Amino acid sequence: MENPHEQQQTLLLSRIIENVQKLNEAVMEMNQRLQAANIQTMDVELVAQMFKNYQSNVLFHLEGMLQILDGEAIWLTWIATENLQEPS
């Protein structure tokens, strides 16, 4: 006598296998598209990194210039106050 559930289980198992195969194909296609998208965005990533480095360099040099200008301002203030003193 045949097991009544065996045929149902076999059908369910074959459906599961078929769905897993379809899922695998879909995941493989998605991976290919993601790889293509990653390749296309590599240039954008490179430009973003270059801009970040440029911005960092600008800030570094700007801070240096501000320190120089601050030092000159202190020097000019000292010279100006020396000249404003009454002659002895």
PDB file of N, CA and C in Angstrom:
ATOM      1  N   MET A   1       0.838  -1.180   0.000  1.00  0.00           N
ATOM      2  CA  MET A   1       0.000   0.000   0.000  1.00  0.00           C
ATOM      3  C   MET A   1       0.887   1.249   0.000  1.00  0.00           C
ATOM      4  N   GLU A   2       0.513   2.169  -0.852  1.00  0.00           N
ATOM      5  CA  GLU A   2       1.280   3.396  -0.979  1.00  0.00           C
ATOM      6  C   GLU A   2       0.940   4.356   0.147  1.00  0.00           C
ATOM      7  N   ASN A   3       1.964   5.117   0.523  1.00  0.00           N
ATOM      8  CA  ASN A   3       1.778   6.154   1.528  1.00  0.00           C
ATOM      9  C   ASN A   3       1.032   7.320   0.857  1.00  0.00           C
ATOM     10  N   PRO A   4      -0.125   7.722   1.400  1.00  0.00           N
ATOM     11  CA  PRO A   4      -0.910   8.781   0.752  1.00  0.00           C
ATOM     12  C   PRO A   4      -0.199  10.146   0.784  1.00  0.00           C
ATOM     13  N   HIS A   5       0.667  10.317   1.747  1.00  0.00           N
ATOM     14  CA  HIS A   5       1.350  11.607   1.881  1.00  0.00           C
ATOM     15  C   HIS A   5       2.612  11.675   1.025  1.00  0.00           C
ATOM     16  N   GLU A   6       3.095  10.537   0.579  1.00  0.00           N
ATOM     17  CA  GLU A   6       4.348  10.508  -0.172  1.00  0.00           C
ATOM     18  C   GLU A   6       4.233  11.284  -1.483  1.00  0.00           C
ATOM     19  N   GLN A   7       3.128  11.116  -2.185  1.00  0.00           N
ATOM     20  CA  GLN A   7       2.951  11.826  -3.447  1.00  0.00           C
ATOM     21  C   GLN A   7       2.866  13.336  -3.208  1.00  0.00           C
ATOM     22  N   GLN A   8       2.147  13.745  -2.169  1.00  0.00           N
ATOM     23  CA  GLN A   8       2.054  15.167  -1.823  1.00  0.00           C
ATOM     24  C   GLN A   8       3.423  15.721  -1.457  1.00  0.00           C
ATOM     25  N   GLN A   9       4.170  14.965  -0.663  1.00  0.00           N
ATOM     26  CA  GLN A   9       5.499  15.409  -0.251  1.00  0.00           C
ATOM     27  C   GLN A   9       6.435  15.521  -1.451  1.00  0.00           C
ATOM     28  N   THR A  10       6.328  14.599  -2.380  1.00  0.00           N
ATOM     29  CA  THR A  10       7.157  14.637  -3.580  1.00  0.00           C
ATOM     30  C   THR A  10       6.826  15.868  -4.421  1.00  0.00           C
ATOM     31  N   LEU A  11       5.539  16.161  -4.573  1.00  0.00           N
ATOM     32  CA  LEU A  11       5.134  17.350  -5.320  1.00  0.00           C
ATOM     33  C   LEU A  11       5.612  18.636  -4.636  1.00  0.00           C
ATOM     34  N   LEU A  12       5.454  18.673  -3.318  1.00  0.00           N
ATOM     35  CA  LEU A  12       5.912  19.852  -2.577  1.00  0.00           C
ATOM     36  C   LEU A  12       7.423  20.025  -2.697  1.00  0.00           C
ATOM     37  N   LEU A  13       8.145  18.921  -2.595  1.00  0.00           N
ATOM     38  CA  LEU A  13       9.600  18.969  -2.699  1.00  0.00           C
ATOM     39  C   LEU A  13      10.032  19.451  -4.085  1.00  0.00           C
ATOM     40  N   SER A  14       9.363  18.986  -5.124  1.00  0.00           N
ATOM     41  CA  SER A  14       9.720  19.429  -6.481  1.00  0.00           C
ATOM     42  C   SER A  14       9.405  20.915  -6.665  1.00  0.00           C
ATOM     43  N   ARG A  15       8.314  21.399  -6.077  1.00  0.00           N
ATOM     44  CA  ARG A  15       7.991  22.828  -6.148  1.00  0.00           C
ATOM     45  C   ARG A  15       9.028  23.658  -5.397  1.00  0.00           C
ATOM     46  N   ILE A  16       9.454  23.149  -4.243  1.00  0.00           N
ATOM     47  CA  ILE A  16      10.478  23.855  -3.462  1.00  0.00           C
ATOM     48  C   ILE A  16      11.774  23.936  -4.253  1.00  0.00           C
ATOM     49  N   ILE A  17      12.173  22.824  -4.860  1.00  0.00           N
ATOM     50  CA  ILE A  17      13.410  22.798  -5.648  1.00  0.00           C
ATOM     51  C   ILE A  17      13.322  23.783  -6.811  1.00  0.00           C
ATOM     52  N   GLU A  18      12.192  23.797  -7.498  1.00  0.00           N
ATOM     53  CA  GLU A  18      12.008  24.709  -8.633  1.00  0.00           C
ATOM     54  C   GLU A  18      12.069  26.164  -8.180  1.00  0.00           C
ATOM     55  N   ASN A  19      11.431  26.475  -7.048  1.00  0.00           N
ATOM     56  CA  ASN A  19      11.448  27.847  -6.534  1.00  0.00           C
ATOM     57  C   ASN A  19      12.845  28.267  -6.088  1.00  0.00           C
ATOM     58  N   VAL A  20      13.589  27.342  -5.501  1.00  0.00           N
ATOM     59  CA  VAL A  20      14.959  27.650  -5.078  1.00  0.00           C
ATOM     60  C   VAL A  20      15.834  27.914  -6.301  1.00  0.00           C
ATOM     61  N   GLN A  21      15.625  27.154  -7.372  1.00  0.00           N
ATOM     62  CA  GLN A  21      16.381  27.387  -8.604  1.00  0.00           C
ATOM     63  C   GLN A  21      16.066  28.767  -9.182  1.00  0.00           C
ATOM     64  N   LYS A  22      14.792  29.141  -9.184  1.00  0.00           N
ATOM     65  CA  LYS A  22      14.404  30.466  -9.673  1.00  0.00           C
ATOM     66  C   LYS A  22      15.008  31.564  -8.800  1.00  0.00           C
ATOM     67  N   LEU A  23      14.980  31.332  -7.490  1.00  0.00           N
ATOM     68  CA  LEU A  23      15.564  32.298  -6.568  1.00  0.00           C
ATOM     69  C   LEU A  23      17.058  32.449  -6.824  1.00  0.00           C
ATOM     70  N   ASN A  24      17.737  31.330  -7.033  1.00  0.00           N
ATOM     71  CA  ASN A  24      19.168  31.354  -7.306  1.00  0.00           C
ATOM     72  C   ASN A  24      19.463  32.149  -8.578  1.00  0.00           C
ATOM     73  N   GLU A  25      18.666  31.946  -9.620  1.00  0.00           N
ATOM     74  CA  GLU A  25      18.847  32.693 -10.867  1.00  0.00           C
ATOM     75  C   GLU A  25      18.631  34.191 -10.641  1.00  0.00           C
ATOM     76  N   ALA A  26      17.610  34.525  -9.868  1.00  0.00           N
ATOM     77  CA  ALA A  26      17.322  35.938  -9.596  1.00  0.00           C
ATOM     78  C   ALA A  26      18.455  36.582  -8.801  1.00  0.00           C
ATOM     79  N   VAL A  27      19.000  35.855  -7.835  1.00  0.00           N
ATOM     80  CA  VAL A  27      20.104  36.383  -7.030  1.00  0.00           C
ATOM     81  C   VAL A  27      21.347  36.564  -7.898  1.00  0.00           C
ATOM     82  N   MET A  28      21.605  35.616  -8.798  1.00  0.00           N
ATOM     83  CA  MET A  28      22.756  35.741  -9.690  1.00  0.00           C
ATOM     84  C   MET A  28      22.605  36.960 -10.606  1.00  0.00           C
ATOM     85  N   GLU A  29      21.409  37.180 -11.130  1.00  0.00           N
ATOM     86  CA  GLU A  29      21.170  38.344 -11.983  1.00  0.00           C
ATOM     87  C   GLU A  29      21.332  39.638 -11.194  1.00  0.00           C
ATOM     88  N   MET A  30      20.825  39.646  -9.957  1.00  0.00           N
ATOM     89  CA  MET A  30      20.968  40.828  -9.119  1.00  0.00           C
ATOM     90  C   MET A  30      22.443  41.113  -8.839  1.00  0.00           C
ATOM     91  N   ASN A  31      23.231  40.081  -8.573  1.00  0.00           N
ATOM     92  CA  ASN A  31      24.662  40.263  -8.338  1.00  0.00           C
ATOM     93  C   ASN A  31      25.352  40.855  -9.559  1.00  0.00           C
ATOM     94  N   GLN A  32      24.988  40.382 -10.750  1.00  0.00           N
ATOM     95  CA  GLN A  32      25.582  40.922 -11.973  1.00  0.00           C
ATOM     96  C   GLN A  32      25.243  42.401 -12.136  1.00  0.00           C
ATOM     97  N   ARG A  33      24.000  42.751 -11.857  1.00  0.00           N
ATOM     98  CA  ARG A  33      23.595  44.157 -11.983  1.00  0.00           C
ATOM     99  C   ARG A  33      24.280  45.028 -10.931  1.00  0.00           C
ATOM    100  N   LEU A  34      24.438  44.489  -9.723  1.00  0.00           N
ATOM    101  CA  LEU A  34      25.141  45.244  -8.683  1.00  0.00           C
ATOM    102  C   LEU A  34      26.602  45.457  -9.054  1.00  0.00           C
ATOM    103  N   GLN A  35      27.233  44.440  -9.632  1.00  0.00           N
ATOM    104  CA  GLN A  35      28.617  44.589 -10.073  1.00  0.00           C
ATOM    105  C   GLN A  35      28.724  45.661 -11.150  1.00  0.00           C
ATOM    106  N   ALA A  36      27.791  45.665 -12.080  1.00  0.00           N
ATOM    107  CA  ALA A  36      27.792  46.686 -13.133  1.00  0.00           C
ATOM    108  C   ALA A  36      27.601  48.079 -12.528  1.00  0.00           C
ATOM    109  N   ALA A  37      26.707  48.195 -11.561  1.00  0.00           N
ATOM    110  CA  ALA A  37      26.473  49.491 -10.908  1.00  0.00           C
ATOM    111  C   ALA A  37      27.717  49.933 -10.148  1.00  0.00           C
ATOM    112  N   ASN A  38      28.385  49.004  -9.483  1.00  0.00           N
ATOM    113  CA  ASN A  38      29.609  49.337  -8.752  1.00  0.00           C
ATOM    114  C   ASN A  38      30.698  49.830  -9.693  1.00  0.00           C
ATOM    115  N   ILE A  39      30.815  49.201 -10.848  1.00  0.00           N
ATOM    116  CA  ILE A  39      31.817  49.629 -11.824  1.00  0.00           C
ATOM    117  C   ILE A  39      31.504  51.039 -12.316  1.00  0.00           C
ATOM    118  N   GLN A  40      30.230  51.313 -12.545  1.00  0.00           N
ATOM    119  CA  GLN A  40      29.836  52.632 -13.039  1.00  0.00           C
ATOM    120  C   GLN A  40      30.035  53.725 -11.993  1.00  0.00           C
ATOM    121  N   THR A  41      29.960  53.386 -10.718  1.00  0.00           N
ATOM    122  CA  THR A  41      30.102  54.406  -9.671  1.00  0.00           C
ATOM    123  C   THR A  41      31.538  54.553  -9.179  1.00  0.00           C
ATOM    124  N   MET A  42      32.454  53.772  -9.723  1.00  0.00           N
ATOM    125  CA  MET A  42      33.847  53.890  -9.286  1.00  0.00           C
ATOM    126  C   MET A  42      34.404  55.278  -9.585  1.00  0.00           C
ATOM    127  N   ASP A  43      34.063  55.848 -10.744  1.00  0.00           N
ATOM    128  CA  ASP A  43      34.535  57.186 -11.088  1.00  0.00           C
ATOM    129  C   ASP A  43      33.991  58.226 -10.115  1.00  0.00           C
ATOM    130  N   VAL A  44      32.734  58.092  -9.759  1.00  0.00           N
ATOM    131  CA  VAL A  44      32.130  59.031  -8.812  1.00  0.00           C
ATOM    132  C   VAL A  44      32.826  58.926  -7.456  1.00  0.00           C
ATOM    133  N   GLU A  45      33.117  57.714  -7.039  1.00  0.00           N
ATOM    134  CA  GLU A  45      33.806  57.509  -5.767  1.00  0.00           C
ATOM    135  C   GLU A  45      35.200  58.130  -5.801  1.00  0.00           C
ATOM    136  N   LEU A  46      35.893  57.983  -6.923  1.00  0.00           N
ATOM    137  CA  LEU A  46      37.230  58.559  -7.067  1.00  0.00           C
ATOM    138  C   LEU A  46      37.174  60.084  -6.991  1.00  0.00           C
ATOM    139  N   VAL A  47      36.227  60.691  -7.687  1.00  0.00           N
ATOM    140  CA  VAL A  47      36.086  62.149  -7.657  1.00  0.00           C
ATOM    141  C   VAL A  47      35.725  62.622  -6.250  1.00  0.00           C
ATOM    142  N   ALA A  48      34.871  61.891  -5.572  1.00  0.00           N
ATOM    143  CA  ALA A  48      34.495  62.259  -4.201  1.00  0.00           C
ATOM    144  C   ALA A  48      35.708  62.208  -3.278  1.00  0.00           C
ATOM    145  N   GLN A  49      36.554  61.196  -3.431  1.00  0.00           N
ATOM    146  CA  GLN A  49      37.757  61.084  -2.607  1.00  0.00           C
ATOM    147  C   GLN A  49      38.731  62.220  -2.930  1.00  0.00           C
ATOM    148  N   MET A  50      38.859  62.542  -4.213  1.00  0.00           N
ATOM    149  CA  MET A  50      39.737  63.650  -4.600  1.00  0.00           C
ATOM    150  C   MET A  50      39.239  64.966  -4.008  1.00  0.00           C
ATOM    151  N   PHE A  51      37.927  65.188  -4.053  1.00  0.00           N
ATOM    152  CA  PHE A  51      37.366  66.414  -3.492  1.00  0.00           C
ATOM    153  C   PHE A  51      37.583  66.463  -1.983  1.00  0.00           C
ATOM    154  N   LYS A  52      37.423  65.324  -1.322  1.00  0.00           N
ATOM    155  CA  LYS A  52      37.633  65.271   0.130  1.00  0.00           C
ATOM    156  C   LYS A  52      39.078  65.626   0.469  1.00  0.00           C
ATOM    157  N   ASN A  53      40.031  65.077  -0.295  1.00  0.00           N
ATOM    158  CA  ASN A  53      41.441  65.395  -0.062  1.00  0.00           C
ATOM    159  C   ASN A  53      41.719  66.870  -0.342  1.00  0.00           C
ATOM    160  N   TYR A  54      41.135  67.393  -1.422  1.00  0.00           N
ATOM    161  CA  TYR A  54      41.305  68.804  -1.760  1.00  0.00           C
ATOM    162  C   TYR A  54      40.768  69.685  -0.635  1.00  0.00           C
ATOM    163  N   GLN A  55      39.590  69.339  -0.131  1.00  0.00           N
ATOM    164  CA  GLN A  55      38.979  70.111   0.949  1.00  0.00           C
ATOM    165  C   GLN A  55      39.861  70.073   2.198  1.00  0.00           C
ATOM    166  N   SER A  56      40.413  68.914   2.496  1.00  0.00           N
ATOM    167  CA  SER A  56      41.294  68.780   3.654  1.00  0.00           C
ATOM    168  C   SER A  56      42.536  69.656   3.487  1.00  0.00           C
ATOM    169  N   ASN A  57      43.116  69.653   2.287  1.00  0.00           N
ATOM    170  CA  ASN A  57      44.294  70.486   2.027  1.00  0.00           C
ATOM    171  C   ASN A  57      43.963  71.970   2.124  1.00  0.00           C
ATOM    172  N   VAL A  58      42.816  72.370   1.593  1.00  0.00           N
ATOM    173  CA  VAL A  58      42.409  73.774   1.665  1.00  0.00           C
ATOM    174  C   VAL A  58      42.253  74.201   3.119  1.00  0.00           C
ATOM    175  N   LEU A  59      41.606  73.373   3.923  1.00  0.00           N
ATOM    176  CA  LEU A  59      41.428  73.715   5.338  1.00  0.00           C
ATOM    177  C   LEU A  59      42.765  73.816   6.056  1.00  0.00           C
ATOM    178  N   PHE A  60      43.684  72.904   5.746  1.00  0.00           N
ATOM    179  CA  PHE A  60      45.007  72.925   6.372  1.00  0.00           C
ATOM    180  C   PHE A  60      45.727  74.229   6.040  1.00  0.00           C
ATOM    181  N   HIS A  61      45.744  74.587   4.752  1.00  0.00           N
ATOM    182  CA  HIS A  61      46.440  75.805   4.341  1.00  0.00           C
ATOM    183  C   HIS A  61      45.715  77.054   4.821  1.00  0.00           C
ATOM    184  N   LEU A  62      44.406  77.012   4.885  1.00  0.00           N
ATOM    185  CA  LEU A  62      43.650  78.153   5.391  1.00  0.00           C
ATOM    186  C   LEU A  62      43.965  78.392   6.863  1.00  0.00           C
ATOM    187  N   GLU A  63      44.048  77.322   7.637  1.00  0.00           N
ATOM    188  CA  GLU A  63      44.404  77.474   9.053  1.00  0.00           C
ATOM    189  C   GLU A  63      45.801  78.066   9.191  1.00  0.00           C
ATOM    190  N   GLY A  64      46.718  77.616   8.349  1.00  0.00           N
ATOM    191  CA  GLY A  64      48.072  78.172   8.373  1.00  0.00           C
ATOM    192  C   GLY A  64      48.077  79.646   8.015  1.00  0.00           C
ATOM    193  N   MET A  65      47.312  80.020   6.987  1.00  0.00           N
ATOM    194  CA  MET A  65      47.237  81.429   6.594  1.00  0.00           C
ATOM    195  C   MET A  65      46.615  82.269   7.704  1.00  0.00           C
ATOM    196  N   LEU A  66      45.597  81.740   8.359  1.00  0.00           N
ATOM    197  CA  LEU A  66      44.967  82.486   9.452  1.00  0.00           C
ATOM    198  C   LEU A  66      45.940  82.694  10.602  1.00  0.00           C
ATOM    199  N   GLN A  67      46.769  81.695  10.881  1.00  0.00           N
ATOM    200  CA  GLN A  67      47.773  81.853  11.934  1.00  0.00           C
ATOM    201  C   GLN A  67      48.791  82.920  11.542  1.00  0.00           C
ATOM    202  N   ILE A  68      49.208  82.906  10.271  1.00  0.00           N
ATOM    203  CA  ILE A  68      50.158  83.920   9.800  1.00  0.00           C
ATOM    204  C   ILE A  68      49.524  85.304   9.889  1.00  0.00           C
ATOM    205  N   LEU A  69      48.287  85.424   9.412  1.00  0.00           N
ATOM    206  CA  LEU A  69      47.609  86.719   9.453  1.00  0.00           C
ATOM    207  C   LEU A  69      47.364  87.171  10.881  1.00  0.00           C
ATOM    208  N   ASP A  70      47.055  86.236  11.760  1.00  0.00           N
ATOM    209  CA  ASP A  70      46.853  86.569  13.165  1.00  0.00           C
ATOM    210  C   ASP A  70      48.157  87.076  13.760  1.00  0.00           C
ATOM    211  N   GLY A  71      49.264  86.433  13.430  1.00  0.00           N
ATOM    212  CA  GLY A  71      50.573  86.885  13.911  1.00  0.00           C
ATOM    213  C   GLY A  71      50.912  88.261  13.379  1.00  0.00           C
ATOM    214  N   GLU A  72      50.627  88.514  12.101  1.00  0.00           N
ATOM    215  CA  GLU A  72      50.875  89.836  11.526  1.00  0.00           C
ATOM    216  C   GLU A  72      49.984  90.879  12.179  1.00  0.00           C
ATOM    217  N   ALA A  73      48.742  90.517  12.481  1.00  0.00           N
ATOM    218  CA  ALA A  73      47.829  91.460  13.125  1.00  0.00           C
ATOM    219  C   ALA A  73      48.350  91.831  14.506  1.00  0.00           C
ATOM    220  N   ILE A  74      48.867  90.858  15.230  1.00  0.00           N
ATOM    221  CA  ILE A  74      49.437  91.144  16.557  1.00  0.00           C
ATOM    222  C   ILE A  74      50.640  92.066  16.411  1.00  0.00           C
ATOM    223  N   TRP A  75      51.508  91.773  15.428  1.00  0.00           N
ATOM    224  CA  TRP A  75      52.700  92.596  15.187  1.00  0.00           C
ATOM    225  C   TRP A  75      52.295  94.020  14.805  1.00  0.00           C
ATOM    226  N   LEU A  76      51.316  94.154  13.900  1.00  0.00           N
ATOM    227  CA  LEU A  76      50.876  95.484  13.485  1.00  0.00           C
ATOM    228  C   LEU A  76      50.216  96.233  14.639  1.00  0.00           C
ATOM    229  N   THR A  77      49.494  95.529  15.485  1.00  0.00           N
ATOM    230  CA  THR A  77      48.881  96.159  16.652  1.00  0.00           C
ATOM    231  C   THR A  77      49.960  96.672  17.598  1.00  0.00           C
ATOM    232  N   TRP A  78      51.010  95.892  17.785  1.00  0.00           N
ATOM    233  CA  TRP A  78      52.103  96.304  18.674  1.00  0.00           C
ATOM    234  C   TRP A  78      52.802  97.535  18.111  1.00  0.00           C
ATOM    235  N   ILE A  79      53.068  97.521  16.784  1.00  0.00           N
ATOM    236  CA  ILE A  79      53.719  98.673  16.158  1.00  0.00           C
ATOM    237  C   ILE A  79      52.833  99.906  16.297  1.00  0.00           C
ATOM    238  N   ALA A  80      51.541  99.741  16.067  1.00  0.00           N
ATOM    239  CA  ALA A  80      50.622 100.875  16.148  1.00  0.00           C
ATOM    240  C   ALA A  80      50.566 101.427  17.563  1.00  0.00           C
ATOM    241  N   THR A  81      50.536 100.569  18.558  1.00  0.00           N
ATOM    242  CA  THR A  81      50.465 101.058  19.942  1.00  0.00           C
ATOM    243  C   THR A  81      51.784 101.693  20.359  1.00  0.00           C
ATOM    244  N   GLU A  82      52.903 101.227  19.833  1.00  0.00           N
ATOM    245  CA  GLU A  82      54.194 101.848  20.144  1.00  0.00           C
ATOM    246  C   GLU A  82      54.237 103.265  19.583  1.00  0.00           C
ATOM    247  N   ASN A  83      53.678 103.448  18.401  1.00  0.00           N
ATOM    248  CA  ASN A  83      53.697 104.769  17.771  1.00  0.00           C
ATOM    249  C   ASN A  83      52.703 105.725  18.416  1.00  0.00           C
ATOM    250  N   LEU A  84      51.705 105.191  19.106  1.00  0.00           N
ATOM    251  CA  LEU A  84      50.710 106.050  19.737  1.00  0.00           C
ATOM    252  C   LEU A  84      51.156 106.561  21.103  1.00  0.00           C
ATOM    253  N   GLN A  85      52.217 106.006  21.659  1.00  0.00           N
ATOM    254  CA  GLN A  85      52.665 106.450  22.978  1.00  0.00           C
ATOM    255  C   GLN A  85      53.237 107.870  22.873  1.00  0.00           C
ATOM    256  N   GLU A  86      53.021 108.611  23.929  1.00  0.00           N
ATOM    257  CA  GLU A  86      53.538 109.977  23.944  1.00  0.00           C
ATOM    258  C   GLU A  86      55.055 109.946  24.025  1.00  0.00           C
ATOM    259  N   PRO A  87      55.682 110.833  23.303  1.00  0.00           N
ATOM    260  CA  PRO A  87      57.150 110.861  23.364  1.00  0.00           C
ATOM    261  C   PRO A  87      57.617 111.261  24.757  1.00  0.00           C
ATOM    262  N   SER A  88      58.714 110.686  25.187  1.00  0.00           N
ATOM    263  CA  SER A  88      59.208 111.013  26.513  1.00  0.00           C
ATOM    264  C   SER A  88      60.196 112.141  26.483  1.00  0.00           C
TER     265      SER A  88
END
